[in-house]
Amino acid sequence: MKTHSYRTHRIDTIFPITLFFVLTLSAVMVITLAAGIYENTTENSHRNHQSRIALSYISEKIHQNDDNCVISIENFEGLEALSFKQTYENSNYTTYIYFYDGSLRELFAREDANISLPDGKMIIELTDFSIKEVADGLLYFSCTDLENQTADSYVSIAD
């Protein structure tokens, strides 16, 4: 019976070790790249979130009240304000959404109430906000957040 004897070569030891280090280095590079991409995506998402939250709030408010309110842009103590006029239990109420003192604010009050701009509840801090009616039933909103990110939106009001 013949027995085979195998001779070991240096390459038999060096190749697996080299392969291990190459795979380890590749894994570390992939993890580092993924972490950088994740950080960048999270930062952009945060910035985008901050600049769009006010517009999402207004859009949702319009859609919630589209059927049971008269929605318009009004002058509220010298400022442009989005107004929602509605009737509850035989009394007329108005909700104003407006930009005042560095923040978007909302104020809900009876029409005969004595109200002023500082009475509104702060929704979010902004550096700029504007409202325009660009066509019949089509409103344009633009806002700039504290990080100078500007976002805009068009919202249609149902007739």
Protein backbone atom coordinates (compact mmCIF):
# COMPACT_ATOMS: atom_id res chain seq x y z
CA MET A 1 0.00 0.00 0.00
CA LYS A 2 1.30 3.36 -0.93
CA THR A 3 1.09 6.26 1.43
CA HIS A 4 1.03 9.72 0.07
CA SER A 5 3.04 12.30 1.73
CA TYR A 6 2.11 15.89 1.20
CA ARG A 7 4.64 18.57 1.29
CA THR A 8 3.51 21.89 2.65
CA HIS A 9 4.44 25.03 0.87
CA ARG A 10 4.65 28.53 2.20
CA ILE A 11 1.77 29.54 -0.05
CA ASP A 12 -0.49 27.10 1.82
CA THR A 13 -0.08 29.24 4.94
CA ILE A 14 0.20 32.69 3.40
CA PHE A 15 -2.84 32.44 1.10
CA PRO A 16 -5.51 31.85 3.82
CA ILE A 17 -4.02 34.56 6.04
CA THR A 18 -3.89 37.04 3.16
CA LEU A 19 -7.44 36.14 2.14
CA PHE A 20 -8.62 36.67 5.73
CA PHE A 21 -7.05 40.15 5.89
CA VAL A 22 -8.43 41.16 2.48
CA LEU A 23 -11.96 40.11 3.48
CA THR A 24 -11.64 41.84 6.86
CA LEU A 25 -10.41 45.05 5.23
CA SER A 26 -13.26 44.90 2.69
CA ALA A 27 -15.83 44.44 5.46
CA VAL A 28 -14.44 47.40 7.43
CA MET A 29 -14.51 49.61 4.30
CA VAL A 30 -18.13 48.64 3.53
CA ILE A 31 -19.20 49.37 7.12
CA THR A 32 -17.38 52.73 7.08
CA LEU A 33 -18.99 53.74 3.79
CA ALA A 34 -22.44 52.63 4.98
CA ALA A 35 -22.05 54.63 8.20
CA GLY A 36 -21.15 57.75 6.22
CA ILE A 37 -24.09 57.32 3.87
CA TYR A 38 -26.45 56.73 6.81
CA GLU A 39 -25.20 59.85 8.61
CA ASN A 40 -25.63 61.99 5.47
CA THR A 41 -29.11 60.61 4.79
CA THR A 42 -30.20 61.18 8.39
CA GLU A 43 -28.91 64.75 8.37
CA ASN A 44 -30.68 65.55 5.08
CA SER A 45 -33.87 63.94 6.32
CA HIS A 46 -33.76 66.00 9.50
CA ARG A 47 -33.26 69.23 7.55
CA ASN A 48 -36.03 68.33 5.12
CA HIS A 49 -38.32 67.37 7.99
CA GLN A 50 -37.83 70.69 9.76
CA SER A 51 -38.52 72.77 6.68
CA ARG A 52 -41.63 70.81 5.65
CA ILE A 53 -43.40 70.23 8.96
CA ALA A 54 -45.23 73.57 8.84
CA LEU A 55 -46.43 72.93 5.29
CA SER A 56 -47.63 69.45 6.18
CA TYR A 57 -49.50 70.85 9.17
CA ILE A 58 -51.26 73.48 7.07
CA SER A 59 -52.08 71.04 4.28
CA GLU A 60 -53.58 68.57 6.74
CA LYS A 61 -55.55 71.34 8.47
CA ILE A 62 -57.01 72.42 5.11
CA HIS A 63 -57.96 68.86 4.16
CA GLN A 64 -59.58 68.26 7.58
CA ASN A 65 -61.74 71.36 7.25
CA ASP A 66 -62.35 71.43 3.51
CA ASP A 67 -65.98 70.31 3.74
CA ASN A 68 -67.29 72.19 6.77
CA CYS A 69 -65.44 75.55 6.64
CA VAL A 70 -64.99 78.61 4.52
CA ILE A 71 -61.24 78.74 3.95
CA SER A 72 -59.62 81.99 2.82
CA ILE A 73 -56.66 84.30 3.22
CA GLU A 74 -57.46 87.28 5.42
CA ASN A 75 -55.73 90.26 6.93
CA PHE A 76 -55.39 89.57 10.66
CA GLU A 77 -54.06 92.65 12.45
CA GLY A 78 -51.92 93.60 9.45
CA LEU A 79 -50.62 90.10 8.67
CA GLU A 80 -51.70 87.61 6.02
CA ALA A 81 -53.42 84.70 7.74
CA LEU A 82 -55.12 81.55 6.60
CA SER A 83 -58.62 81.57 8.08
CA PHE A 84 -61.15 78.81 8.63
CA LYS A 85 -64.65 80.13 9.35
CA GLN A 86 -67.08 77.64 10.85
CA THR A 87 -70.21 77.45 12.99
CA TYR A 88 -70.47 75.42 16.21
CA GLU A 89 -73.68 75.36 18.25
CA ASN A 90 -75.07 78.54 16.61
CA SER A 91 -71.85 80.54 17.20
CA ASN A 92 -69.36 81.58 14.54
CA TYR A 93 -65.70 80.72 15.09
CA THR A 94 -62.54 81.44 13.14
CA THR A 95 -59.24 79.62 13.20
CA TYR A 96 -56.28 81.72 12.06
CA ILE A 97 -52.92 80.30 11.01
CA TYR A 98 -50.30 83.02 10.65
CA PHE A 99 -46.62 83.89 11.01
CA TYR A 100 -45.79 86.12 13.96
CA ASP A 101 -42.71 86.78 16.08
CA GLY A 102 -40.55 84.08 14.46
CA SER A 103 -43.09 81.26 14.58
CA LEU A 104 -46.08 79.84 12.79
CA ARG A 105 -49.09 80.19 15.08
CA GLU A 106 -52.67 79.02 15.29
CA LEU A 107 -55.51 80.82 17.03
CA PHE A 108 -59.05 79.50 17.43
CA ALA A 109 -61.60 82.01 18.71
CA ARG A 110 -65.20 83.08 18.55
CA GLU A 111 -65.73 85.86 16.03
CA ASP A 112 -66.76 88.39 18.68
CA ALA A 113 -63.78 87.61 20.98
CA ASN A 114 -61.11 90.21 21.66
CA ILE A 115 -57.98 88.54 20.26
CA SER A 116 -54.55 89.67 19.14
CA LEU A 117 -51.50 88.21 17.39
CA PRO A 118 -49.59 87.09 20.53
CA ASP A 119 -52.61 85.01 21.66
CA GLY A 120 -51.95 82.31 19.06
CA LYS A 121 -50.43 78.98 20.01
CA MET A 122 -46.95 78.46 18.56
CA ILE A 123 -46.75 75.52 16.11
CA ILE A 124 -43.12 75.72 14.93
CA GLU A 125 -40.35 78.29 14.80
CA LEU A 126 -39.58 79.68 11.34
CA THR A 127 -37.64 82.57 9.88
CA ASP A 128 -40.11 83.30 7.07
CA PHE A 129 -43.59 82.26 5.95
CA SER A 130 -45.85 83.44 3.13
CA ILE A 131 -49.30 82.64 1.77
CA LYS A 132 -50.71 83.50 -1.65
CA GLU A 133 -53.81 82.55 -3.61
CA VAL A 134 -52.37 81.86 -7.06
CA ALA A 135 -55.66 80.82 -8.65
CA ASP A 136 -59.26 80.37 -7.58
CA GLY A 137 -59.11 77.67 -4.89
CA LEU A 138 -55.33 77.12 -5.20
CA LEU A 139 -53.13 78.32 -2.35
CA TYR A 140 -49.33 78.61 -2.35
CA PHE A 141 -47.33 78.36 0.88
CA SER A 142 -43.63 78.97 1.41
CA CYS A 143 -41.62 78.72 4.61
CA THR A 144 -38.00 78.94 5.70
CA ASP A 145 -36.87 77.14 8.85
CA LEU A 146 -34.17 78.10 11.35
CA GLU A 147 -31.50 76.29 9.29
CA ASN A 148 -32.40 78.42 6.24
CA GLN A 149 -34.03 75.50 4.40
CA THR A 150 -36.92 76.74 2.27
CA ALA A 151 -39.88 74.58 1.30
CA ASP A 152 -43.03 75.41 -0.61
CA SER A 153 -46.31 73.74 -1.38
CA TYR A 154 -49.53 74.18 -3.36
CA VAL A 155 -52.82 73.13 -1.79
CA SER A 156 -56.15 73.03 -3.54
CA ILE A 157 -59.33 73.92 -1.68
CA ALA A 158 -62.42 71.95 -2.67
CA ASP A 159 -65.44 73.98 -3.74
